[in-house]
Amino acid sequence: MEDSREATTITPQSPSTSVSKRPNEDAARISIFSESSVRAMRQKLVVPILVVSDLVLAALFWVLAFVLYDTLTAGAPSESAIGLVAFNTIVWIAIRALVGLYPGYGLSPAEELRRQTNVTATTFAVTALLVLSFQAGDRFPVLLLSLAFLQQLLLAPLVRHLVKWGLRKRELWGKPVVVLGAGGTGELLIRTLEDEWGLGFKPVGGFDFHLDQRGGVVEGVASEGTVTDALSLARKQRIDTVVFAMPHIHHEYVAKFVDIASRSFRHVLVVPNMIGMPASVVQSRDFAGIFAVEIKHNLLDYWSRIVKRGLDLLGAAVGVLLMSPLLLAIALLIKLSSPGPVFYKQMRLGSIGRHFYCWKFRTMYSDATQILTELLQSHPNLREEWEREHKLRNDPRITLIGRFLRKSSLDELPQLWNVLRGEMSLVGPRPIVDAEVPKYGEVYELYRRVGPGMTGLWQVSGRSETTYEERVARDAYYVRNWSVWLDFVILARTVKIIILRVGAY
């Protein structure tokens, strides 16, 4: 991890030792308060920085919109349009604040993108209504408004991500949280919070009640003590967020812990006993004091599937048109570099268990099957790797141009044809062969609900560096939590992965 982590534990003390006479303990206490004060001051800078960055961004968008409008129409709007620009910007910032985007801690990438998109659409709808109401179309043309809207819709999420990344590099992004976790759930939560830095939750203390009195370390975070010790640590370090990750503890104890924590902390999060359930499509319900959750499966919604298919067709068609010269150049390089066909096809499993031919640019020598057979027979370690991962890290069958195509993922561009035919999606689970079905187990029933994708969650989460079990788990997560926003996030991350060429071989 690039950001520094702080791990501090508080050893339980009896009331008689609440005021220490030892200088080193006093110094430690002063150090804790000093560090927490500095951290609190630094955290207060995050929201102003985000607001200022959004104001600068809005100004740049409008300047560019005016320039484009002047270029396209050979004319400029009246000076009175500046007032509407200011109104639009103020409304945009205000709504972003109302939906929790300042600072936006705890929001998944898909949820943050959904909120940002809704805010931009709402802001420009309000501005358009104002223009129509005052008949100000001549002073504030629809074309100008549309140019600014498209810029903000497409670029605002990217700029917000870059600003968060910059804050993280300077150790400003994120707030400390204490995790009260039992067993593997606590470990999984801490590991997830460490990996998903965009959430902004930085665990500084983990308390696993299954550890012995000597304490221990969970995912690099110090763990020791009881609930009282954990809450004491949080108060002394001015931490306002506590996460309870104890799904198997009786609900009466959880309710008691939460009641104690809610007296001192503004944010109390509880990880329920619902591991493996959809997370992004859950809504809380109150049945006259009885708590319930509603779980929606987006992939069972007819209109959601229509929207996904429409985006696939639009994306694939635009991709083929824009990348036609690149496709022809790659085909020519493959033909000139080694004998054999330009394309390679393999039978894969699609939705509802239907088979289809998955197309790729050929990246191996024509006699690849013979090479693999001889290699696996003479190298047991490679045979074990092949049986475990269904691929080899140093594969001698791959050509020179093929290695580049795989590293950059350009070998998968012919799958745009599969997308147009409805056999694949732009985003989805990894396309598998029949021999892999037993390894998916019960997850295969989830896999069958949606067509495989050109890219997917596993490709943007380590790609070939992930284990097979992790790939299966990510495919299951994608199907359970699918949304249009998740697809957009994965597509954006795919572009980043391709440019950096991370994790493929």
Protein backbone atom coordinates (compact mmCIF):
# COMPACT_ATOMS: atom_id res chain seq x y z
CA MET A 1 0.00 0.00 0.00
CA GLU A 2 1.19 3.46 -0.87
CA ASP A 3 -0.53 5.20 1.99
CA SER A 4 0.86 4.90 5.45
CA ARG A 5 -1.13 2.99 8.07
CA GLU A 6 -1.30 3.67 11.74
CA ALA A 7 -1.82 0.81 14.14
CA THR A 8 -2.39 1.74 17.74
CA THR A 9 -3.82 -0.34 20.57
CA ILE A 10 -4.94 0.60 24.04
CA THR A 11 -4.31 -1.86 26.84
CA PRO A 12 -7.19 -2.13 29.33
CA GLN A 13 -6.60 -0.24 32.57
CA SER A 14 -8.35 -0.35 35.90
CA PRO A 15 -10.02 2.81 37.25
CA SER A 16 -7.25 3.21 39.83
CA THR A 17 -4.68 3.69 37.09
CA SER A 18 -6.70 6.12 35.02
CA VAL A 19 -4.21 8.88 35.90
CA SER A 20 -0.68 7.65 35.32
CA LYS A 21 2.32 8.96 37.20
CA ARG A 22 4.85 7.46 34.80
CA PRO A 23 6.34 9.99 32.37
CA ASN A 24 6.50 7.58 29.46
CA GLU A 25 2.75 6.83 29.71
CA ASP A 26 2.00 10.57 29.87
CA ALA A 27 4.19 11.12 26.82
CA ALA A 28 2.38 8.33 24.96
CA ARG A 29 -0.97 9.87 25.85
CA ILE A 30 0.20 13.29 24.66
CA SER A 31 1.48 11.70 21.46
CA ILE A 32 -1.88 10.05 20.78
CA PHE A 33 -3.78 13.30 21.30
CA SER A 34 -1.25 15.20 19.18
CA GLU A 35 -1.49 12.73 16.32
CA SER A 36 -5.28 12.70 16.46
CA SER A 37 -5.39 16.51 16.43
CA VAL A 38 -3.13 16.69 13.39
CA ARG A 39 -5.19 14.02 11.66
CA ALA A 40 -8.43 15.89 12.45
CA MET A 41 -7.01 19.11 11.03
CA ARG A 42 -5.85 17.35 7.87
CA GLN A 43 -9.25 15.70 7.43
CA LYS A 44 -10.95 19.09 7.56
CA LEU A 45 -9.00 20.08 4.45
CA VAL A 46 -10.55 17.35 2.29
CA VAL A 47 -14.00 18.88 1.80
CA PRO A 48 -12.72 22.40 0.95
CA ILE A 49 -10.24 20.92 -1.52
CA LEU A 50 -12.98 18.87 -3.20
CA VAL A 51 -15.32 21.88 -3.37
CA VAL A 52 -12.61 24.15 -4.80
CA SER A 53 -11.60 21.50 -7.34
CA ASP A 54 -15.24 21.18 -8.46
CA LEU A 55 -15.57 24.97 -8.77
CA VAL A 56 -12.42 25.14 -10.89
CA LEU A 57 -13.65 22.18 -12.93
CA ALA A 58 -17.03 23.82 -13.56
CA ALA A 59 -15.32 27.04 -14.64
CA LEU A 60 -13.09 25.16 -17.08
CA PHE A 61 -16.07 23.25 -18.47
CA TRP A 62 -18.01 26.43 -19.13
CA VAL A 63 -15.03 28.20 -20.68
CA LEU A 64 -14.52 25.25 -23.02
CA ALA A 65 -18.25 25.15 -23.77
CA PHE A 66 -18.21 28.84 -24.72
CA VAL A 67 -15.16 28.28 -26.95
CA LEU A 68 -16.78 25.32 -28.70
CA TYR A 69 -20.05 27.22 -29.11
CA ASP A 70 -18.22 30.18 -30.62
CA THR A 71 -16.38 27.84 -33.02
CA LEU A 72 -19.52 25.99 -34.12
CA THR A 73 -21.83 29.01 -34.50
CA ALA A 74 -19.42 31.90 -35.13
CA GLY A 75 -21.13 33.80 -32.35
CA ALA A 76 -21.12 34.15 -28.58
CA PRO A 77 -23.99 34.24 -26.08
CA SER A 78 -24.84 37.50 -24.39
CA GLU A 79 -23.08 38.60 -21.23
CA SER A 80 -26.25 37.93 -19.22
CA ALA A 81 -25.58 34.20 -19.71
CA ILE A 82 -22.88 34.50 -17.04
CA GLY A 83 -25.60 34.73 -14.40
CA LEU A 84 -27.11 31.44 -15.52
CA VAL A 85 -23.65 29.87 -15.53
CA ALA A 86 -23.17 30.93 -11.91
CA PHE A 87 -26.64 29.59 -11.03
CA ASN A 88 -25.87 26.26 -12.70
CA THR A 89 -22.56 25.91 -10.86
CA ILE A 90 -24.04 26.76 -7.44
CA VAL A 91 -26.88 24.26 -7.94
CA TRP A 92 -24.40 21.58 -9.06
CA ILE A 93 -22.22 22.05 -5.97
CA ALA A 94 -25.24 22.22 -3.63
CA ILE A 95 -26.81 19.00 -4.91
CA ARG A 96 -23.46 17.20 -4.78
CA ALA A 97 -23.26 18.19 -1.12
CA LEU A 98 -26.82 17.05 -0.44
CA VAL A 99 -26.21 13.55 -1.86
CA GLY A 100 -23.06 13.07 0.22
CA LEU A 101 -20.28 13.61 -2.33
CA TYR A 102 -18.33 15.84 0.07
CA PRO A 103 -16.26 13.92 0.87
CA GLY A 104 -18.10 10.76 -0.20
CA TYR A 105 -16.50 8.28 2.18
CA GLY A 106 -17.97 4.78 2.09
CA LEU A 107 -19.37 5.02 -1.44
CA SER A 108 -18.53 2.20 -3.84
CA PRO A 109 -17.26 3.29 -7.29
CA ALA A 110 -20.57 2.28 -8.91
CA GLU A 111 -22.66 4.14 -6.32
CA GLU A 112 -20.46 7.25 -6.55
CA LEU A 113 -20.77 7.23 -10.36
CA ARG A 114 -24.55 6.85 -10.09
CA ARG A 115 -24.81 9.82 -7.74
CA GLN A 116 -22.53 12.02 -9.83
CA THR A 117 -24.48 11.24 -12.99
CA ASN A 118 -27.83 11.91 -11.33
CA VAL A 119 -26.56 15.19 -9.88
CA THR A 120 -25.31 16.40 -13.27
CA ALA A 121 -28.55 15.43 -15.03
CA THR A 122 -30.69 17.08 -12.33
CA THR A 123 -28.61 20.27 -12.35
CA PHE A 124 -28.88 20.77 -16.09
CA ALA A 125 -32.57 19.87 -16.10
CA VAL A 126 -33.19 22.62 -13.53
CA THR A 127 -31.10 25.05 -15.57
CA ALA A 128 -32.97 24.17 -18.76
CA LEU A 129 -36.33 24.73 -17.02
CA LEU A 130 -35.12 28.11 -15.81
CA VAL A 131 -34.04 29.07 -19.34
CA LEU A 132 -37.42 28.04 -20.77
CA SER A 133 -39.38 29.75 -18.00
CA PHE A 134 -37.71 33.11 -18.62
CA GLN A 135 -37.55 32.59 -22.39
CA ALA A 136 -33.80 33.09 -22.27
CA GLY A 137 -32.98 30.72 -25.12
CA ASP A 138 -31.38 33.51 -27.17
CA ARG A 139 -29.09 34.47 -24.28
CA PHE A 140 -28.40 30.93 -23.14
CA PRO A 141 -28.69 28.67 -26.21
CA VAL A 142 -29.59 25.00 -25.91
CA LEU A 143 -26.42 24.04 -27.79
CA LEU A 144 -24.24 25.78 -25.20
CA LEU A 145 -26.10 24.06 -22.39
CA SER A 146 -25.74 20.68 -24.12
CA LEU A 147 -22.00 21.10 -24.63
CA ALA A 148 -21.43 21.92 -20.97
CA PHE A 149 -23.69 19.03 -19.89
CA LEU A 150 -21.82 16.43 -21.95
CA GLN A 151 -18.45 17.63 -20.72
CA GLN A 152 -19.49 17.55 -17.11
CA LEU A 153 -21.25 14.20 -17.44
CA LEU A 154 -18.21 12.48 -18.95
CA LEU A 155 -15.28 14.20 -17.27
CA ALA A 156 -16.45 15.09 -13.76
CA PRO A 157 -16.16 11.49 -12.44
CA LEU A 158 -12.67 11.17 -13.93
CA VAL A 159 -11.50 14.45 -12.39
CA ARG A 160 -12.96 13.51 -9.00
CA HIS A 161 -11.02 10.22 -9.11
CA LEU A 162 -7.79 12.06 -9.96
CA VAL A 163 -8.33 14.56 -7.13
CA LYS A 164 -8.93 11.72 -4.66
CA TRP A 165 -5.80 9.99 -5.92
CA GLY A 166 -3.80 13.19 -5.37
CA LEU A 167 -5.22 13.57 -1.86
CA ARG A 168 -4.29 9.98 -1.12
CA LYS A 169 -0.71 10.52 -2.29
CA ARG A 170 -0.47 13.34 0.24
CA GLU A 171 -2.11 11.20 2.93
CA LEU A 172 -5.18 13.46 3.10
CA TRP A 173 -7.81 11.14 1.64
CA GLY A 174 -9.62 8.81 3.99
CA LYS A 175 -10.66 8.78 7.59
CA PRO A 176 -9.64 6.32 10.35
CA VAL A 177 -12.08 3.63 11.42
CA VAL A 178 -12.00 0.94 14.08
CA VAL A 179 -13.07 -2.57 13.07
CA LEU A 180 -14.68 -4.83 15.63
CA GLY A 181 -14.44 -8.14 13.80
CA ALA A 182 -14.68 -11.76 14.78
CA GLY A 183 -12.72 -14.36 12.84
CA GLY A 184 -12.45 -14.38 9.08
CA THR A 185 -15.13 -11.73 8.58
CA GLY A 186 -13.02 -9.12 10.36
CA GLU A 187 -9.94 -10.11 8.38
CA LEU A 188 -11.85 -9.94 5.11
CA LEU A 189 -13.27 -6.52 5.97
CA ILE A 190 -9.88 -5.06 6.92
CA ARG A 191 -8.28 -6.47 3.77
CA THR A 192 -11.09 -5.06 1.63
CA LEU A 193 -10.84 -1.59 3.19
CA GLU A 194 -7.07 -1.63 2.61
CA ASP A 195 -7.44 -2.64 -1.05
CA GLU A 196 -10.40 -0.40 -1.93
CA TRP A 197 -8.79 2.89 -0.95
CA GLY A 198 -11.44 4.88 -2.80
CA LEU A 199 -13.95 4.06 -0.05
CA GLY A 200 -11.95 6.30 2.26
CA PHE A 201 -12.11 4.01 5.30
CA LYS A 202 -8.64 3.44 6.82
CA PRO A 203 -8.64 0.81 9.59
CA VAL A 204 -6.30 1.89 12.39
CA GLY A 205 -7.37 -0.74 14.88
CA GLY A 206 -8.87 -4.19 14.54
CA PHE A 207 -10.29 -6.09 17.49
CA ASP A 208 -10.80 -9.81 17.04
CA PHE A 209 -12.34 -11.38 20.13
CA HIS A 210 -11.08 -14.82 19.12
CA LEU A 211 -7.47 -13.78 19.74
CA ASP A 212 -5.87 -14.57 23.05
CA GLN A 213 -4.99 -11.91 25.59
CA ARG A 214 -1.60 -11.31 24.02
CA GLY A 215 -3.30 -9.79 20.98
CA GLY A 216 -2.10 -10.17 17.44
CA VAL A 217 -2.14 -8.68 13.98
CA VAL A 218 -4.99 -8.95 11.45
CA GLU A 219 -4.01 -7.97 7.89
CA GLY A 220 -1.27 -5.68 9.18
CA VAL A 221 -3.55 -3.92 11.67
CA ALA A 222 -2.97 -4.35 15.39
CA SER A 223 -5.67 -6.34 17.16
CA GLU A 224 -6.10 -6.60 20.90
CA GLY A 225 -8.60 -6.22 23.67
CA THR A 226 -12.34 -6.01 24.18
CA VAL A 227 -15.20 -3.86 22.92
CA THR A 228 -14.47 -1.35 25.68
CA ASP A 229 -10.82 -1.12 24.58
CA ALA A 230 -11.85 -0.60 20.96
CA LEU A 231 -14.24 2.21 21.83
CA SER A 232 -11.63 3.76 24.12
CA LEU A 233 -9.13 3.77 21.25
CA ALA A 234 -11.65 5.39 18.95
CA ARG A 235 -12.52 8.13 21.43
CA LYS A 236 -8.91 8.94 22.26
CA GLN A 237 -7.97 9.22 18.60
CA ARG A 238 -11.11 11.20 17.76
CA ILE A 239 -12.41 8.50 15.43
CA ASP A 240 -16.10 8.92 14.58
CA THR A 241 -16.67 5.64 12.72
CA VAL A 242 -16.88 2.13 14.14
CA VAL A 243 -17.57 -0.96 12.04
CA PHE A 244 -19.02 -4.10 13.64
CA ALA A 245 -18.08 -7.19 11.62
CA MET A 246 -19.51 -9.91 13.85
CA PRO A 247 -22.14 -11.63 11.66
CA HIS A 248 -22.35 -14.81 13.75
CA ILE A 249 -22.77 -13.18 17.16
CA HIS A 250 -26.30 -13.22 18.57
CA HIS A 251 -28.31 -10.17 17.57
CA GLU A 252 -28.95 -9.19 21.20
CA TYR A 253 -25.22 -8.71 21.79
CA VAL A 254 -24.79 -6.81 18.53
CA ALA A 255 -27.68 -4.52 19.50
CA LYS A 256 -26.03 -3.91 22.88
CA PHE A 257 -22.65 -3.14 21.29
CA VAL A 258 -24.25 -0.78 18.79
CA ASP A 259 -26.19 1.01 21.53
CA ILE A 260 -22.97 1.59 23.48
CA ALA A 261 -21.10 2.79 20.39
CA SER A 262 -23.88 5.11 19.21
CA ARG A 263 -23.50 7.19 22.38
CA SER A 264 -20.06 8.37 21.32
CA PHE A 265 -19.71 7.87 17.58
CA ARG A 266 -21.48 9.52 14.72
CA HIS A 267 -21.19 6.60 12.32
CA VAL A 268 -21.83 3.02 13.45
CA LEU A 269 -21.73 0.46 10.64
CA VAL A 270 -22.82 -3.16 11.03
CA VAL A 271 -21.83 -5.97 8.67
CA PRO A 272 -24.87 -8.30 8.79
CA ASN A 273 -24.91 -12.06 8.41
CA MET A 274 -25.54 -11.78 4.66
CA ILE A 275 -22.15 -12.66 3.16
CA GLY A 276 -22.64 -13.60 -0.49
CA MET A 277 -25.89 -11.65 -0.87
CA PRO A 278 -26.26 -8.76 -3.34
CA ALA A 279 -24.84 -5.59 -1.81
CA SER A 280 -25.53 -2.81 -4.29
CA VAL A 281 -29.26 -3.53 -4.69
CA VAL A 282 -30.36 -3.77 -1.05
CA GLN A 283 -32.89 -1.40 0.53
CA SER A 284 -33.85 -1.25 4.17
CA ARG A 285 -37.51 -1.64 5.14
CA ASP A 286 -39.29 -0.87 8.39
CA PHE A 287 -42.26 -3.11 9.18
CA ALA A 288 -43.66 -1.31 12.23
CA GLY A 289 -40.38 -1.57 14.10
CA ILE A 290 -39.24 -4.83 12.53
CA PHE A 291 -36.12 -4.32 10.43
CA ALA A 292 -36.03 -6.01 7.02
CA VAL A 293 -34.04 -5.71 3.83
CA GLU A 294 -35.33 -5.88 0.28
CA ILE A 295 -32.99 -7.56 -2.20
CA LYS A 296 -33.44 -6.77 -5.88
CA HIS A 297 -31.90 -8.84 -8.65
CA ASN A 298 -31.33 -6.38 -11.48
CA LEU A 299 -30.60 -9.10 -14.03
CA LEU A 300 -34.16 -10.38 -13.62
CA ASP A 301 -35.59 -6.99 -14.55
CA TYR A 302 -36.66 -6.90 -18.21
CA TRP A 303 -35.88 -3.23 -18.79
CA SER A 304 -32.47 -3.50 -17.15
CA ARG A 305 -31.56 -6.27 -19.60
CA ILE A 306 -32.82 -4.14 -22.48
CA VAL A 307 -30.63 -1.24 -21.36
CA LYS A 308 -27.59 -3.53 -21.05
CA ARG A 309 -28.17 -4.94 -24.53
CA GLY A 310 -28.62 -1.44 -25.97
CA LEU A 311 -25.34 -0.29 -24.45
CA ASP A 312 -23.62 -3.39 -25.82
CA LEU A 313 -24.85 -2.72 -29.36
CA LEU A 314 -23.94 0.96 -29.20
CA GLY A 315 -20.50 0.32 -27.72
CA ALA A 316 -19.64 -2.51 -30.11
CA ALA A 317 -20.80 -0.62 -33.19
CA VAL A 318 -18.86 2.52 -32.26
CA GLY A 319 -15.83 0.39 -31.36
CA VAL A 320 -15.79 -1.38 -34.73
CA LEU A 321 -16.11 1.91 -36.63
CA LEU A 322 -13.41 3.75 -34.67
CA MET A 323 -10.93 0.88 -34.50
CA SER A 324 -11.23 -0.48 -38.04
CA PRO A 325 -7.75 0.83 -39.05
CA LEU A 326 -6.23 -0.75 -35.91
CA LEU A 327 -7.97 -4.07 -36.58
CA LEU A 328 -6.62 -4.16 -40.15
CA ALA A 329 -3.10 -3.28 -38.96
CA ILE A 330 -3.10 -6.06 -36.35
CA ALA A 331 -4.39 -8.58 -38.90
CA LEU A 332 -1.58 -7.65 -41.27
CA LEU A 333 1.10 -7.98 -38.56
CA ILE A 334 -0.16 -11.43 -37.55
CA LYS A 335 -0.17 -12.63 -41.16
CA LEU A 336 3.37 -11.39 -41.77
CA SER A 337 4.88 -12.60 -38.46
CA SER A 338 3.96 -16.31 -38.56
CA PRO A 339 2.13 -18.77 -40.83
CA GLY A 340 -1.49 -19.52 -40.03
CA PRO A 341 -4.90 -17.82 -39.89
CA VAL A 342 -5.40 -14.30 -38.55
CA PHE A 343 -8.22 -15.27 -36.20
CA TYR A 344 -8.62 -17.99 -33.60
CA LYS A 345 -11.94 -19.31 -32.38
CA GLN A 346 -12.78 -21.53 -29.43
CA MET A 347 -16.05 -22.99 -28.18
CA ARG A 348 -17.17 -21.27 -24.99
CA LEU A 349 -20.22 -21.32 -22.73
CA GLY A 350 -22.66 -18.43 -22.86
CA SER A 351 -25.85 -17.52 -21.05
CA ILE A 352 -28.35 -20.31 -20.31
CA GLY A 353 -25.59 -22.80 -21.08
CA ARG A 354 -25.56 -22.11 -24.83
CA HIS A 355 -22.31 -22.69 -26.71
CA PHE A 356 -20.75 -20.18 -29.10
CA TYR A 357 -17.46 -19.57 -30.86
CA CYS A 358 -15.43 -16.90 -29.07
CA TRP A 359 -13.20 -15.00 -31.54
CA LYS A 360 -9.72 -13.64 -30.91
CA PHE A 361 -6.69 -12.60 -32.90
CA ARG A 362 -4.33 -15.55 -33.18
CA THR A 363 -1.50 -15.17 -30.68
CA MET A 364 0.02 -18.69 -30.85
CA TYR A 365 1.91 -20.76 -33.39
CA SER A 366 -0.18 -23.01 -35.61
CA ASP A 367 1.14 -26.19 -33.93
CA ALA A 368 0.35 -24.87 -30.42
CA THR A 369 -1.57 -28.02 -29.42
CA GLN A 370 1.41 -30.27 -30.14
CA ILE A 371 3.76 -27.92 -28.32
CA LEU A 372 1.51 -27.92 -25.25
CA THR A 373 1.15 -31.71 -25.20
CA GLU A 374 4.90 -32.26 -25.33
CA LEU A 375 5.52 -29.54 -22.76
CA LEU A 376 3.05 -30.91 -20.19
CA GLN A 377 4.35 -34.44 -20.59
CA SER A 378 7.95 -33.44 -19.91
CA HIS A 379 7.33 -30.83 -17.19
CA PRO A 380 5.08 -31.98 -14.29
CA ASN A 381 5.25 -28.57 -12.61
CA LEU A 382 3.87 -26.90 -15.73
CA ARG A 383 1.16 -29.55 -16.00
CA GLU A 384 0.14 -28.73 -12.42
CA GLU A 385 0.04 -25.01 -13.24
CA TRP A 386 -2.06 -25.71 -16.34
CA GLU A 387 -4.56 -27.86 -14.45
CA ARG A 388 -4.85 -25.22 -11.73
CA GLU A 389 -5.00 -22.02 -13.81
CA HIS A 390 -5.80 -23.21 -17.36
CA LYS A 391 -2.90 -21.05 -18.58
CA LEU A 392 0.90 -20.80 -18.31
CA ARG A 393 2.76 -17.72 -17.18
CA ASN A 394 5.67 -18.36 -19.60
CA ASP A 395 3.89 -20.01 -22.50
CA PRO A 396 6.26 -21.05 -25.35
CA ARG A 397 3.33 -21.35 -27.75
CA ILE A 398 2.84 -17.56 -27.91
CA THR A 399 4.33 -15.64 -30.83
CA LEU A 400 6.24 -12.37 -30.45
CA ILE A 401 3.37 -10.22 -31.75
CA GLY A 402 0.97 -12.44 -29.81
CA ARG A 403 2.70 -11.65 -26.54
CA PHE A 404 2.21 -7.94 -27.17
CA LEU A 405 -1.43 -8.44 -28.13
CA ARG A 406 -2.10 -10.41 -24.95
CA LYS A 407 -0.30 -7.94 -22.74
CA SER A 408 -2.35 -5.09 -24.18
CA SER A 409 -5.56 -7.18 -24.48
CA LEU A 410 -5.82 -6.19 -28.16
CA ASP A 411 -6.17 -9.87 -29.05
CA GLU A 412 -9.74 -9.73 -27.73
CA LEU A 413 -10.98 -6.98 -30.07
CA PRO A 414 -12.59 -9.47 -32.51
CA GLN A 415 -15.01 -10.31 -29.72
CA LEU A 416 -16.83 -7.13 -30.71
CA TRP A 417 -18.37 -9.39 -33.34
CA ASN A 418 -19.59 -11.72 -30.59
CA VAL A 419 -21.13 -8.71 -28.82
CA LEU A 420 -22.96 -7.59 -31.96
CA ARG A 421 -24.32 -11.13 -32.39
CA GLY A 422 -25.60 -11.16 -28.80
CA GLU A 423 -23.31 -14.00 -27.72
CA MET A 424 -21.25 -11.82 -25.41
CA SER A 425 -21.49 -8.51 -23.60
CA LEU A 426 -19.02 -5.66 -23.31
CA VAL A 427 -18.88 -6.40 -19.56
CA GLY A 428 -19.63 -9.72 -17.92
CA PRO A 429 -18.16 -12.87 -16.37
CA ARG A 430 -15.08 -14.48 -17.87
CA PRO A 431 -15.99 -16.79 -20.83
CA ILE A 432 -15.29 -20.37 -19.79
CA VAL A 433 -15.13 -23.81 -21.45
CA ASP A 434 -17.13 -26.90 -20.45
CA ALA A 435 -14.23 -28.37 -18.48
CA GLU A 436 -14.37 -25.42 -16.04
CA VAL A 437 -18.01 -25.88 -15.03
CA PRO A 438 -17.24 -28.31 -12.16
CA LYS A 439 -14.81 -25.77 -10.70
CA TYR A 440 -17.59 -23.16 -10.56
CA GLY A 441 -19.85 -25.47 -8.54
CA GLU A 442 -23.06 -23.76 -7.43
CA VAL A 443 -21.77 -20.45 -8.77
CA TYR A 444 -22.35 -21.74 -12.30
CA GLU A 445 -26.10 -21.22 -11.86
CA LEU A 446 -25.35 -17.53 -11.31
CA TYR A 447 -22.93 -17.53 -14.24
CA ARG A 448 -25.67 -18.76 -16.60
CA ARG A 449 -27.84 -15.69 -15.95
CA VAL A 450 -25.77 -13.34 -18.11
CA GLY A 451 -23.60 -13.57 -21.19
CA PRO A 452 -19.81 -13.56 -20.74
CA GLY A 453 -18.00 -10.28 -21.27
CA MET A 454 -15.06 -8.93 -23.23
CA THR A 455 -13.99 -7.44 -19.93
CA GLY A 456 -15.15 -8.01 -16.41
CA LEU A 457 -14.52 -7.58 -12.72
CA TRP A 458 -11.70 -10.12 -12.58
CA GLN A 459 -9.84 -8.44 -15.46
CA VAL A 460 -9.74 -5.13 -13.58
CA SER A 461 -8.91 -6.78 -10.24
CA GLY A 462 -5.55 -8.31 -11.02
CA ARG A 463 -6.33 -10.24 -14.21
CA SER A 464 -3.92 -13.17 -14.57
CA GLU A 465 -2.35 -12.41 -11.18
CA THR A 466 -5.51 -13.55 -9.39
CA THR A 467 -6.15 -17.15 -8.39
CA TYR A 468 -8.82 -19.22 -10.09
CA GLU A 469 -10.98 -19.17 -6.95
CA GLU A 470 -10.78 -15.37 -6.84
CA ARG A 471 -11.92 -15.17 -10.46
CA VAL A 472 -14.93 -17.36 -9.72
CA ALA A 473 -15.78 -15.23 -6.67
CA ARG A 474 -15.59 -12.03 -8.73
CA ASP A 475 -17.82 -13.49 -11.43
CA ALA A 476 -20.39 -14.36 -8.75
CA TYR A 477 -20.16 -10.87 -7.24
CA TYR A 478 -20.71 -9.27 -10.65
CA VAL A 479 -23.86 -11.28 -11.39
CA ARG A 480 -25.33 -10.62 -7.94
CA ASN A 481 -24.56 -6.90 -7.98
CA TRP A 482 -24.90 -6.01 -11.63
CA SER A 483 -25.92 -2.47 -12.52
CA VAL A 484 -25.31 -0.13 -15.41
CA TRP A 485 -23.07 1.91 -13.11
CA LEU A 486 -20.94 -1.12 -12.27
CA ASP A 487 -20.50 -1.75 -16.01
CA PHE A 488 -19.35 1.84 -16.54
CA VAL A 489 -16.87 1.58 -13.67
CA ILE A 490 -15.44 -1.68 -15.06
CA LEU A 491 -15.14 -0.21 -18.57
CA ALA A 492 -13.30 2.83 -17.20
CA ARG A 493 -10.94 0.62 -15.20
CA THR A 494 -10.38 -1.57 -18.26
CA VAL A 495 -9.07 1.41 -20.20
CA LYS A 496 -6.65 2.14 -17.36
CA ILE A 497 -5.51 -1.51 -17.19
CA ILE A 498 -4.96 -1.69 -20.96
CA ILE A 499 -2.93 1.53 -20.98
CA LEU A 500 -0.76 0.40 -18.06
CA ARG A 501 -0.74 -3.24 -19.30
CA VAL A 502 -1.08 -4.56 -15.74
CA GLY A 503 -1.61 -8.19 -14.79
CA ALA A 504 -1.78 -9.89 -18.20
CA TYR A 505 0.54 -12.49 -19.68
